[in-house]
């Protein structure tokens, strides 16, 4: 006695075993697909911002003519160790006092920093490295001296005078920063050398405005 086998007849009249109905594939709607792509892009942007590159807006004219107020630049965050003399650096201002922020406000502020918008005024400064650890920086009317040697500075702007004069000894783990526009820059002549740990990274590219796009 043979077992019963369910069968169907195809168009050619031949019989075959009935195959179970294939499960229907779930389709991803366009809204859900867009949401997933946005989340992936957002996560990628946060990773890049946290470890590699960050955008900053130049807040003042202290670096004219190298950088102008309103320029947007990219900063290499991998270059956050001890910089070289002449590097243009973004660092946290030693004079900035962070306001109390809630969790949501802190996240939004952090996100804004990553794309160079919503940055608090004077939270970050952009200056040029002049003095390195262990050196003596002497600012005179005729220029800057490092350990008694006049520093060549073709980038320096003295349109409004040399600015504050004086002598500073740079401690280990610190650097001495100055703006290119010497008469308009609040820098290490005002607040002293800054710790290397406060450095965010080195400016390497100007991305805005388009007419000034290029390396720094």
C-alpha atoms as a PDB file:
ATOM      1  CA  UNK A   1       0.000   0.000   0.000  1.00  0.00           C
ATOM      2  CA  UNK A   2       1.597   3.280  -1.073  1.00  0.00           C
ATOM      3  CA  UNK A   3       1.430   6.538   0.849  1.00  0.00           C
ATOM      4  CA  UNK A   4      -0.733   9.331  -0.474  1.00  0.00           C
ATOM      5  CA  UNK A   5       1.249  12.096  -2.153  1.00  0.00           C
ATOM      6  CA  UNK A   6      -0.327  15.469  -2.880  1.00  0.00           C
ATOM      7  CA  UNK A   7       0.177  16.494  -6.470  1.00  0.00           C
ATOM      8  CA  UNK A   8      -0.637  19.283  -8.841  1.00  0.00           C
ATOM      9  CA  UNK A   9      -0.816  19.375 -12.568  1.00  0.00           C
ATOM     10  CA  UNK A  10       1.288  21.886 -14.451  1.00  0.00           C
ATOM     11  CA  UNK A  11       0.504  23.413 -17.809  1.00  0.00           C
ATOM     12  CA  UNK A  12       2.010  20.441 -19.675  1.00  0.00           C
ATOM     13  CA  UNK A  13      -0.302  18.019 -17.887  1.00  0.00           C
ATOM     14  CA  UNK A  14       2.468  16.450 -15.819  1.00  0.00           C
ATOM     15  CA  UNK A  15       2.028  15.994 -12.149  1.00  0.00           C
ATOM     16  CA  UNK A  16       4.562  16.948  -9.508  1.00  0.00           C
ATOM     17  CA  UNK A  17       4.808  17.399  -5.803  1.00  0.00           C
ATOM     18  CA  UNK A  18       3.343  20.546  -4.350  1.00  0.00           C
ATOM     19  CA  UNK A  19       6.121  22.890  -3.131  1.00  0.00           C
ATOM     20  CA  UNK A  20       5.389  24.958  -0.072  1.00  0.00           C
ATOM     21  CA  UNK A  21       4.546  28.559  -0.761  1.00  0.00           C
ATOM     22  CA  UNK A  22       7.683  30.710  -0.775  1.00  0.00           C
ATOM     23  CA  UNK A  23       7.739  33.283   2.018  1.00  0.00           C
ATOM     24  CA  UNK A  24       7.133  36.778   0.819  1.00  0.00           C
ATOM     25  CA  UNK A  25      10.175  39.071   1.014  1.00  0.00           C
ATOM     26  CA  UNK A  26       9.651  42.105   3.142  1.00  0.00           C
ATOM     27  CA  UNK A  27      10.206  45.294   1.238  1.00  0.00           C
ATOM     28  CA  UNK A  28      11.966  48.213   2.881  1.00  0.00           C
ATOM     29  CA  UNK A  29       9.974  51.365   2.345  1.00  0.00           C
ATOM     30  CA  UNK A  30      11.709  54.461   0.968  1.00  0.00           C
ATOM     31  CA  UNK A  31      11.283  56.314   4.280  1.00  0.00           C
ATOM     32  CA  UNK A  32      12.906  53.533   6.284  1.00  0.00           C
ATOM     33  CA  UNK A  33      15.717  53.188   3.739  1.00  0.00           C
ATOM     34  CA  UNK A  34      16.400  56.924   3.871  1.00  0.00           C
ATOM     35  CA  UNK A  35      16.408  56.830   7.672  1.00  0.00           C
ATOM     36  CA  UNK A  36      18.934  53.995   7.708  1.00  0.00           C
ATOM     37  CA  UNK A  37      21.201  55.814   5.250  1.00  0.00           C
ATOM     38  CA  UNK A  38      21.021  59.017   7.291  1.00  0.00           C
ATOM     39  CA  UNK A  39      21.899  57.148  10.486  1.00  0.00           C
ATOM     40  CA  UNK A  40      24.858  55.457   8.793  1.00  0.00           C
ATOM     41  CA  UNK A  41      26.089  58.777   7.414  1.00  0.00           C
ATOM     42  CA  UNK A  42      25.617  60.387  10.813  1.00  0.00           C
ATOM     43  CA  UNK A  43      27.586  57.646  12.573  1.00  0.00           C
ATOM     44  CA  UNK A  44      30.362  57.923   9.997  1.00  0.00           C
ATOM     45  CA  UNK A  45      30.477  61.706  10.450  1.00  0.00           C
ATOM     46  CA  UNK A  46      30.753  61.342  14.218  1.00  0.00           C
ATOM     47  CA  UNK A  47      33.628  58.883  13.882  1.00  0.00           C
ATOM     48  CA  UNK A  48      35.458  61.195  11.485  1.00  0.00           C
ATOM     49  CA  UNK A  49      34.803  64.217  13.718  1.00  0.00           C
ATOM     50  CA  UNK A  50      35.967  62.410  16.852  1.00  0.00           C
ATOM     51  CA  UNK A  51      39.207  60.994  15.538  1.00  0.00           C
ATOM     52  CA  UNK A  52      40.259  62.436  12.177  1.00  0.00           C
ATOM     53  CA  UNK A  53      38.994  65.770  10.805  1.00  0.00           C
ATOM     54  CA  UNK A  54      36.897  68.579  12.259  1.00  0.00           C
ATOM     55  CA  UNK A  55      35.581  71.797  10.740  1.00  0.00           C
ATOM     56  CA  UNK A  56      36.036  75.176  12.403  1.00  0.00           C
ATOM     57  CA  UNK A  57      34.913  78.715  11.664  1.00  0.00           C
ATOM     58  CA  UNK A  58      37.502  81.468  12.148  1.00  0.00           C
ATOM     59  CA  UNK A  59      35.964  83.849  14.715  1.00  0.00           C
ATOM     60  CA  UNK A  60      38.124  86.959  14.297  1.00  0.00           C
ATOM     61  CA  UNK A  61      40.723  88.762  12.201  1.00  0.00           C
ATOM     62  CA  UNK A  62      43.666  87.833  14.434  1.00  0.00           C
ATOM     63  CA  UNK A  63      45.219  85.672  11.674  1.00  0.00           C
ATOM     64  CA  UNK A  64      44.876  88.158   8.761  1.00  0.00           C
ATOM     65  CA  UNK A  65      46.074  87.815   6.019  1.00  0.00           C
ATOM     66  CA  UNK A  66      46.566  84.039   6.389  1.00  0.00           C
ATOM     67  CA  UNK A  67      43.007  83.483   7.609  1.00  0.00           C
ATOM     68  CA  UNK A  68      40.116  85.940   7.701  1.00  0.00           C
ATOM     69  CA  UNK A  69      37.089  86.152   9.967  1.00  0.00           C
ATOM     70  CA  UNK A  70      34.385  83.843   8.633  1.00  0.00           C
ATOM     71  CA  UNK A  71      36.748  81.451   6.864  1.00  0.00           C
ATOM     72  CA  UNK A  72      35.959  77.784   7.419  1.00  0.00           C
ATOM     73  CA  UNK A  73      38.868  75.428   7.803  1.00  0.00           C
ATOM     74  CA  UNK A  74      39.492  71.722   8.316  1.00  0.00           C
ATOM     75  CA  UNK A  75      41.661  70.548  11.179  1.00  0.00           C
ATOM     76  CA  UNK A  76      43.713  67.361  11.228  1.00  0.00           C
ATOM     77  CA  UNK A  77      43.012  65.880  14.666  1.00  0.00           C
ATOM     78  CA  UNK A  78      45.659  63.196  14.233  1.00  0.00           C
ATOM     79  CA  UNK A  79      48.221  66.010  14.520  1.00  0.00           C
ATOM     80  CA  UNK A  80      47.285  66.787  18.126  1.00  0.00           C
ATOM     81  CA  UNK A  81      50.662  65.995  19.691  1.00  0.00           C
ATOM     82  CA  UNK A  82      53.605  68.386  19.966  1.00  0.00           C
ATOM     83  CA  UNK A  83      53.356  70.674  16.907  1.00  0.00           C
ATOM     84  CA  UNK A  84      56.164  72.236  14.877  1.00  0.00           C
ATOM     85  CA  UNK A  85      57.034  75.897  14.905  1.00  0.00           C
ATOM     86  CA  UNK A  86      54.943  77.755  12.322  1.00  0.00           C
ATOM     87  CA  UNK A  87      52.001  75.316  12.432  1.00  0.00           C
ATOM     88  CA  UNK A  88      48.559  76.924  12.602  1.00  0.00           C
ATOM     89  CA  UNK A  89      46.749  75.259  15.466  1.00  0.00           C
ATOM     90  CA  UNK A  90      43.216  75.130  16.862  1.00  0.00           C
ATOM     91  CA  UNK A  91      43.159  74.856  20.656  1.00  0.00           C
ATOM     92  CA  UNK A  92      40.756  75.354  23.527  1.00  0.00           C
ATOM     93  CA  UNK A  93      41.009  78.841  24.950  1.00  0.00           C
ATOM     94  CA  UNK A  94      42.413  78.913  28.507  1.00  0.00           C
ATOM     95  CA  UNK A  95      40.023  81.815  29.199  1.00  0.00           C
ATOM     96  CA  UNK A  96      36.843  79.996  28.146  1.00  0.00           C
ATOM     97  CA  UNK A  97      34.423  78.879  30.858  1.00  0.00           C
ATOM     98  CA  UNK A  98      31.970  76.262  29.608  1.00  0.00           C
ATOM     99  CA  UNK A  99      28.320  76.857  30.556  1.00  0.00           C
ATOM    100  CA  UNK A 100      26.271  74.201  32.286  1.00  0.00           C
ATOM    101  CA  UNK A 101      24.580  72.082  29.610  1.00  0.00           C
ATOM    102  CA  UNK A 102      22.048  69.297  29.876  1.00  0.00           C
ATOM    103  CA  UNK A 103      22.548  65.949  28.086  1.00  0.00           C
ATOM    104  CA  UNK A 104      20.599  66.956  24.962  1.00  0.00           C
ATOM    105  CA  UNK A 105      22.237  70.378  24.760  1.00  0.00           C
ATOM    106  CA  UNK A 106      25.689  68.805  25.150  1.00  0.00           C
ATOM    107  CA  UNK A 107      25.058  66.380  22.286  1.00  0.00           C
ATOM    108  CA  UNK A 108      23.752  69.129  20.006  1.00  0.00           C
ATOM    109  CA  UNK A 109      26.722  71.332  20.871  1.00  0.00           C
ATOM    110  CA  UNK A 110      29.144  68.475  20.143  1.00  0.00           C
ATOM    111  CA  UNK A 111      27.437  67.776  16.797  1.00  0.00           C
ATOM    112  CA  UNK A 112      27.592  71.442  15.836  1.00  0.00           C
ATOM    113  CA  UNK A 113      31.311  71.550  16.561  1.00  0.00           C
ATOM    114  CA  UNK A 114      31.855  68.711  14.105  1.00  0.00           C
ATOM    115  CA  UNK A 115      30.517  70.669  11.140  1.00  0.00           C
ATOM    116  CA  UNK A 116      31.902  74.030  12.204  1.00  0.00           C
ATOM    117  CA  UNK A 117      28.628  75.685  13.260  1.00  0.00           C
ATOM    118  CA  UNK A 118      27.179  76.562  16.612  1.00  0.00           C
ATOM    119  CA  UNK A 119      30.601  76.890  18.196  1.00  0.00           C
ATOM    120  CA  UNK A 120      30.599  79.012  21.324  1.00  0.00           C
ATOM    121  CA  UNK A 121      32.379  82.332  20.943  1.00  0.00           C
ATOM    122  CA  UNK A 122      35.975  82.178  22.199  1.00  0.00           C
ATOM    123  CA  UNK A 123      35.741  78.464  23.060  1.00  0.00           C
ATOM    124  CA  UNK A 124      38.388  77.676  20.446  1.00  0.00           C
ATOM    125  CA  UNK A 125      41.226  79.863  19.200  1.00  0.00           C
ATOM    126  CA  UNK A 126      43.291  79.647  16.023  1.00  0.00           C
ATOM    127  CA  UNK A 127      46.908  80.831  16.288  1.00  0.00           C
ATOM    128  CA  UNK A 128      50.397  80.025  15.026  1.00  0.00           C
ATOM    129  CA  UNK A 129      52.988  78.097  17.032  1.00  0.00           C
ATOM    130  CA  UNK A 130      55.889  80.416  17.860  1.00  0.00           C
ATOM    131  CA  UNK A 131      57.674  78.996  20.896  1.00  0.00           C
ATOM    132  CA  UNK A 132      58.327  75.355  21.786  1.00  0.00           C
ATOM    133  CA  UNK A 133      58.884  73.702  25.193  1.00  0.00           C
ATOM    134  CA  UNK A 134      62.015  74.931  26.968  1.00  0.00           C
ATOM    135  CA  UNK A 135      62.491  77.986  24.754  1.00  0.00           C
ATOM    136  CA  UNK A 136      62.529  81.650  25.753  1.00  0.00           C
ATOM    137  CA  UNK A 137      60.301  83.863  23.611  1.00  0.00           C
ATOM    138  CA  UNK A 138      61.064  87.577  23.552  1.00  0.00           C
ATOM    139  CA  UNK A 139      58.696  89.885  21.672  1.00  0.00           C
ATOM    140  CA  UNK A 140      60.296  93.207  20.736  1.00  0.00           C
ATOM    141  CA  UNK A 141      59.224  96.086  18.541  1.00  0.00           C
ATOM    142  CA  UNK A 142      61.379  94.767  15.695  1.00  0.00           C
ATOM    143  CA  UNK A 143      60.248  91.142  15.853  1.00  0.00           C
ATOM    144  CA  UNK A 144      60.192  87.910  17.848  1.00  0.00           C
ATOM    145  CA  UNK A 145      63.352  86.371  19.281  1.00  0.00           C
ATOM    146  CA  UNK A 146      63.688  82.691  20.185  1.00  0.00           C
ATOM    147  CA  UNK A 147      66.530  82.082  22.652  1.00  0.00           C
ATOM    148  CA  UNK A 148      68.081  85.337  21.457  1.00  0.00           C
ATOM    149  CA  UNK A 149      67.760  84.605  17.713  1.00  0.00           C
ATOM    150  CA  UNK A 150      65.472  86.736  15.522  1.00  0.00           C
ATOM    151  CA  UNK A 151      62.676  84.567  14.069  1.00  0.00           C
ATOM    152  CA  UNK A 152      61.981  85.101  10.332  1.00  0.00           C
ATOM    153  CA  UNK A 153      58.238  85.761   9.995  1.00  0.00           C
ATOM    154  CA  UNK A 154      57.124  86.521   6.435  1.00  0.00           C
ATOM    155  CA  UNK A 155      53.504  85.852   7.515  1.00  0.00           C
ATOM    156  CA  UNK A 156      53.447  88.497  10.297  1.00  0.00           C
ATOM    157  CA  UNK A 157      51.111  91.480   9.900  1.00  0.00           C
ATOM    158  CA  UNK A 158      52.168  94.672  11.727  1.00  0.00           C
ATOM    159  CA  UNK A 159      49.481  96.935  10.245  1.00  0.00           C
ATOM    160  CA  UNK A 160      48.398  97.955  13.781  1.00  0.00           C
ATOM    161  CA  UNK A 161      51.762  97.722  15.487  1.00  0.00           C
ATOM    162  CA  UNK A 162      53.616  94.852  17.183  1.00  0.00           C
ATOM    163  CA  UNK A 163      51.138  94.409  20.031  1.00  0.00           C
ATOM    164  CA  UNK A 164      52.199  93.590  23.618  1.00  0.00           C
ATOM    165  CA  UNK A 165      55.937  93.200  24.213  1.00  0.00           C
ATOM    166  CA  UNK A 166      57.690  91.025  26.775  1.00  0.00           C
ATOM    167  CA  UNK A 167      59.623  87.857  27.562  1.00  0.00           C
ATOM    168  CA  UNK A 168      58.191  84.414  28.328  1.00  0.00           C
ATOM    169  CA  UNK A 169      59.786  81.085  29.255  1.00  0.00           C
ATOM    170  CA  UNK A 170      57.880  78.160  27.729  1.00  0.00           C
ATOM    171  CA  UNK A 171      57.491  75.249  30.217  1.00  0.00           C
ATOM    172  CA  UNK A 172      57.739  71.591  29.266  1.00  0.00           C
ATOM    173  CA  UNK A 173      54.475  70.365  27.757  1.00  0.00           C
ATOM    174  CA  UNK A 174      53.483  73.870  26.620  1.00  0.00           C
ATOM    175  CA  UNK A 175      53.743  75.980  23.453  1.00  0.00           C
ATOM    176  CA  UNK A 176      53.660  79.739  22.863  1.00  0.00           C
ATOM    177  CA  UNK A 177      50.978  80.862  20.391  1.00  0.00           C
ATOM    178  CA  UNK A 178      50.633  84.143  18.473  1.00  0.00           C
ATOM    179  CA  UNK A 179      48.254  85.475  15.849  1.00  0.00           C
ATOM    180  CA  UNK A 180      49.679  86.651  12.534  1.00  0.00           C
ATOM    181  CA  UNK A 181      47.940  90.038  12.923  1.00  0.00           C
ATOM    182  CA  UNK A 182      50.063  91.117  15.870  1.00  0.00           C
ATOM    183  CA  UNK A 183      48.145  94.257  16.765  1.00  0.00           C
ATOM    184  CA  UNK A 184      44.754  92.486  16.856  1.00  0.00           C
ATOM    185  CA  UNK A 185      45.515  89.120  18.428  1.00  0.00           C
ATOM    186  CA  UNK A 186      44.707  88.002  21.967  1.00  0.00           C
ATOM    187  CA  UNK A 187      47.234  85.189  22.335  1.00  0.00           C
ATOM    188  CA  UNK A 188      49.976  83.832  24.610  1.00  0.00           C
ATOM    189  CA  UNK A 189      51.194  87.376  25.193  1.00  0.00           C
ATOM    190  CA  UNK A 190      47.970  87.832  27.178  1.00  0.00           C
ATOM    191  CA  UNK A 191      47.281  84.414  28.724  1.00  0.00           C
ATOM    192  CA  UNK A 192      50.717  82.758  28.569  1.00  0.00           C
ATOM    193  CA  UNK A 193      51.839  79.494  26.953  1.00  0.00           C
ATOM    194  CA  UNK A 194      49.111  76.895  26.463  1.00  0.00           C
ATOM    195  CA  UNK A 195      49.325  73.179  27.337  1.00  0.00           C
ATOM    196  CA  UNK A 196      49.825  70.781  24.438  1.00  0.00           C
ATOM    197  CA  UNK A 197      46.877  68.792  25.827  1.00  0.00           C
ATOM    198  CA  UNK A 198      44.524  71.652  24.868  1.00  0.00           C
ATOM    199  CA  UNK A 199      45.396  71.343  21.167  1.00  0.00           C
ATOM    200  CA  UNK A 200      42.571  70.052  18.964  1.00  0.00           C
ATOM    201  CA  UNK A 201      44.625  69.716  15.769  1.00  0.00           C
ATOM    202  CA  UNK A 202      46.472  71.412  12.930  1.00  0.00           C
ATOM    203  CA  UNK A 203      44.717  73.519  10.283  1.00  0.00           C
ATOM    204  CA  UNK A 204      45.481  72.095   6.836  1.00  0.00           C
ATOM    205  CA  UNK A 205      42.718  73.224   4.452  1.00  0.00           C
ATOM    206  CA  UNK A 206      40.501  76.278   3.915  1.00  0.00           C
ATOM    207  CA  UNK A 207      37.147  75.175   2.465  1.00  0.00           C
ATOM    208  CA  UNK A 208      35.179  78.443   2.585  1.00  0.00           C
ATOM    209  CA  UNK A 209      34.753  80.825   0.870  1.00  0.00           C
ATOM    210  CA  UNK A 210      35.246  79.077  -2.486  1.00  0.00           C
ATOM    211  CA  UNK A 211      37.407  81.937  -3.764  1.00  0.00           C
ATOM    212  CA  UNK A 212      39.940  81.206  -1.004  1.00  0.00           C
ATOM    213  CA  UNK A 213      39.781  77.415  -1.141  1.00  0.00           C
ATOM    214  CA  UNK A 214      43.185  75.818  -0.676  1.00  0.00           C
ATOM    215  CA  UNK A 215      45.820  74.473   1.644  1.00  0.00           C
ATOM    216  CA  UNK A 216      46.975  76.380   4.708  1.00  0.00           C
END
